[in-house]
C-alpha atoms as a PDB file:
ATOM      1  CA  MET A   1     -69.406  65.342   8.321  1.00  0.00           C
ATOM      2  CA  LYS A   2     -65.564  66.240   8.185  1.00  0.00           C
ATOM      3  CA  ALA A   3     -65.584  67.188  11.660  1.00  0.00           C
ATOM      4  CA  ARG A   4     -67.117  63.753  12.704  1.00  0.00           C
ATOM      5  CA  VAL A   5     -64.503  61.812  10.593  1.00  0.00           C
ATOM      6  CA  ALA A   6     -61.742  63.908  12.173  1.00  0.00           C
ATOM      7  CA  PHE A   7     -63.055  63.142  15.468  1.00  0.00           C
ATOM      8  CA  LEU A   8     -63.360  59.353  14.943  1.00  0.00           C
ATOM      9  CA  LEU A   9     -59.852  59.266  13.583  1.00  0.00           C
ATOM     10  CA  ALA A  10     -58.481  61.280  16.539  1.00  0.00           C
ATOM     11  CA  ALA A  11     -60.271  58.770  18.953  1.00  0.00           C
ATOM     12  CA  THR A  12     -58.889  55.784  17.156  1.00  0.00           C
ATOM     13  CA  VAL A  13     -55.253  57.162  17.290  1.00  0.00           C
ATOM     14  CA  LEU A  14     -55.652  58.004  20.948  1.00  0.00           C
ATOM     15  CA  ALA A  15     -56.986  54.598  21.739  1.00  0.00           C
ATOM     16  CA  ALA A  16     -54.055  52.760  19.620  1.00  0.00           C
ATOM     17  CA  SER A  17     -51.400  54.924  21.390  1.00  0.00           C
ATOM     18  CA  SER A  18     -52.809  54.234  24.885  1.00  0.00           C
ATOM     19  CA  GLN A  19     -52.783  50.411  23.938  1.00  0.00           C
ATOM     20  CA  ALA A  20     -49.217  50.767  22.857  1.00  0.00           C
ATOM     21  CA  PHE A  21     -48.430  52.495  26.031  1.00  0.00           C
ATOM     22  CA  ALA A  22     -49.826  49.873  28.283  1.00  0.00           C
ATOM     23  CA  ALA A  23     -48.129  47.084  26.130  1.00  0.00           C
ATOM     24  CA  SER A  24     -44.646  48.847  26.646  1.00  0.00           C
ATOM     25  CA  ASP A  25     -45.173  49.154  30.305  1.00  0.00           C
ATOM     26  CA  PRO A  26     -44.957  45.611  32.031  1.00  0.00           C
ATOM     27  CA  LYS A  27     -46.095  46.984  35.453  1.00  0.00           C
ATOM     28  CA  ALA A  28     -49.253  48.300  33.664  1.00  0.00           C
ATOM     29  CA  LEU A  29     -49.847  45.078  32.089  1.00  0.00           C
ATOM     30  CA  ALA A  30     -49.530  43.295  35.282  1.00  0.00           C
ATOM     31  CA  GLN A  31     -52.210  45.481  36.869  1.00  0.00           C
ATOM     32  CA  LYS A  32     -54.515  44.952  33.847  1.00  0.00           C
ATOM     33  CA  TYR A  33     -54.334  41.085  34.151  1.00  0.00           C
ATOM     34  CA  ASN A  34     -54.569  41.149  37.911  1.00  0.00           C
ATOM     35  CA  CYS A  35     -51.001  39.526  38.232  1.00  0.00           C
ATOM     36  CA  LEU A  36     -50.462  41.994  41.298  1.00  0.00           C
ATOM     37  CA  THR A  37     -53.371  40.466  43.091  1.00  0.00           C
ATOM     38  CA  CYS A  38     -51.073  37.424  44.019  1.00  0.00           C
ATOM     39  CA  HIS A  39     -47.736  38.617  43.128  1.00  0.00           C
ATOM     40  CA  SER A  40     -45.375  41.396  44.317  1.00  0.00           C
ATOM     41  CA  VAL A  41     -41.904  42.607  42.939  1.00  0.00           C
ATOM     42  CA  ASP A  42     -40.324  42.026  46.158  1.00  0.00           C
ATOM     43  CA  LYS A  43     -42.332  40.110  48.814  1.00  0.00           C
ATOM     44  CA  LYS A  44     -44.362  36.876  48.626  1.00  0.00           C
ATOM     45  CA  VAL A  45     -48.075  37.339  48.670  1.00  0.00           C
ATOM     46  CA  VAL A  46     -49.903  34.375  47.451  1.00  0.00           C
ATOM     47  CA  GLY A  47     -47.527  33.454  44.786  1.00  0.00           C
ATOM     48  CA  PRO A  48     -43.650  34.033  44.844  1.00  0.00           C
ATOM     49  CA  ALA A  49     -42.012  37.464  44.675  1.00  0.00           C
ATOM     50  CA  TYR A  50     -40.868  38.326  41.009  1.00  0.00           C
ATOM     51  CA  LYS A  51     -37.532  38.714  42.262  1.00  0.00           C
ATOM     52  CA  ASP A  52     -37.469  35.358  43.701  1.00  0.00           C
ATOM     53  CA  VAL A  53     -38.684  33.958  40.271  1.00  0.00           C
ATOM     54  CA  ALA A  54     -35.930  35.800  38.487  1.00  0.00           C
ATOM     55  CA  ALA A  55     -33.340  34.491  40.953  1.00  0.00           C
ATOM     56  CA  LYS A  56     -34.618  30.916  40.586  1.00  0.00           C
ATOM     57  CA  TYR A  57     -34.520  31.031  36.631  1.00  0.00           C
ATOM     58  CA  LYS A  58     -31.187  33.146  36.594  1.00  0.00           C
ATOM     59  CA  GLY A  59     -29.000  31.757  33.820  1.00  0.00           C
ATOM     60  CA  ASP A  60     -31.677  29.212  32.478  1.00  0.00           C
ATOM     61  CA  LYS A  61     -31.714  30.041  28.780  1.00  0.00           C
ATOM     62  CA  GLY A  62     -35.234  28.308  28.505  1.00  0.00           C
ATOM     63  CA  ALA A  63     -36.793  30.336  31.330  1.00  0.00           C
ATOM     64  CA  GLU A  64     -38.794  32.462  29.154  1.00  0.00           C
ATOM     65  CA  ALA A  65     -40.632  29.765  27.374  1.00  0.00           C
ATOM     66  CA  LYS A  66     -41.060  27.825  30.449  1.00  0.00           C
ATOM     67  CA  LEU A  67     -42.673  30.637  32.304  1.00  0.00           C
ATOM     68  CA  MET A  68     -44.752  31.672  29.352  1.00  0.00           C
ATOM     69  CA  ALA A  69     -46.125  28.204  29.325  1.00  0.00           C
ATOM     70  CA  LYS A  70     -46.713  28.174  33.098  1.00  0.00           C
ATOM     71  CA  VAL A  71     -48.588  31.454  33.135  1.00  0.00           C
ATOM     72  CA  LYS A  72     -50.787  30.282  30.211  1.00  0.00           C
ATOM     73  CA  ALA A  73     -51.729  26.921  31.587  1.00  0.00           C
ATOM     74  CA  GLY A  74     -51.424  27.651  35.445  1.00  0.00           C
ATOM     75  CA  GLY A  75     -50.412  25.116  37.671  1.00  0.00           C
ATOM     76  CA  ALA A  76     -49.184  24.222  41.280  1.00  0.00           C
ATOM     77  CA  GLY A  77     -46.313  22.512  42.855  1.00  0.00           C
ATOM     78  CA  VAL A  78     -43.194  24.742  42.048  1.00  0.00           C
ATOM     79  CA  TRP A  79     -43.594  27.470  44.532  1.00  0.00           C
ATOM     80  CA  GLY A  80     -46.193  25.592  46.911  1.00  0.00           C
ATOM     81  CA  GLN A  81     -49.419  23.917  46.785  1.00  0.00           C
ATOM     82  CA  VAL A  82     -51.607  27.022  46.035  1.00  0.00           C
ATOM     83  CA  PRO A  83     -52.587  26.914  42.337  1.00  0.00           C
ATOM     84  CA  MET A  84     -51.903  29.551  39.845  1.00  0.00           C
ATOM     85  CA  PRO A  85     -55.020  29.838  37.772  1.00  0.00           C
ATOM     86  CA  PRO A  86     -54.513  29.640  33.921  1.00  0.00           C
ATOM     87  CA  ASN A  87     -54.090  32.753  32.002  1.00  0.00           C
ATOM     88  CA  ALA A  88     -54.978  31.574  28.490  1.00  0.00           C
ATOM     89  CA  ALA A  89     -56.751  34.965  27.562  1.00  0.00           C
ATOM     90  CA  VAL A  90     -53.423  37.051  28.023  1.00  0.00           C
ATOM     91  CA  PRO A  91     -52.192  37.600  24.351  1.00  0.00           C
ATOM     92  CA  ASP A  92     -48.827  36.151  23.812  1.00  0.00           C
ATOM     93  CA  ALA A  93     -47.143  39.523  23.109  1.00  0.00           C
ATOM     94  CA  ASP A  94     -48.282  40.728  26.324  1.00  0.00           C
ATOM     95  CA  LEU A  95     -47.363  37.591  28.071  1.00  0.00           C
ATOM     96  CA  LYS A  96     -43.862  37.881  26.768  1.00  0.00           C
ATOM     97  CA  VAL A  97     -43.423  41.524  28.046  1.00  0.00           C
ATOM     98  CA  LEU A  98     -44.573  40.204  31.556  1.00  0.00           C
ATOM     99  CA  VAL A  99     -42.319  37.259  31.663  1.00  0.00           C
ATOM    100  CA  GLN A 100     -39.350  39.286  30.553  1.00  0.00           C
ATOM    101  CA  TRP A 101     -40.116  41.844  33.071  1.00  0.00           C
ATOM    102  CA  VAL A 102     -40.341  39.318  35.712  1.00  0.00           C
ATOM    103  CA  LEU A 103     -37.058  37.679  34.812  1.00  0.00           C
ATOM    104  CA  SER A 104     -35.397  41.174  34.865  1.00  0.00           C
ATOM    105  CA  GLN A 105     -36.005  41.683  38.456  1.00  0.00           C
ATOM    106  CA  LYS A 106     -33.087  41.967  40.922  1.00  0.00           C
END
């Protein structure tokens, strides 16, 4: 019984630490939420390159909030007519990490 409890405790700690690692690694989050299917850091794919997004919003103090709302709701027209689907299921904490990462690109 003690061995089973110890195993379950170890499994829980391992799962929690791997989730914390993913949350601290923006590229892993981008892969997890399929962002990299349509975007790349340095070149346009379906959507704009992250470095182009960062350049467009450089110096915009409201950029983080704008982009978080845009990613959550989806939309089209800012970068062309191909729509970005809504990503409402992405937790706000992960979304914030992703948007900060995008805005940090050079």
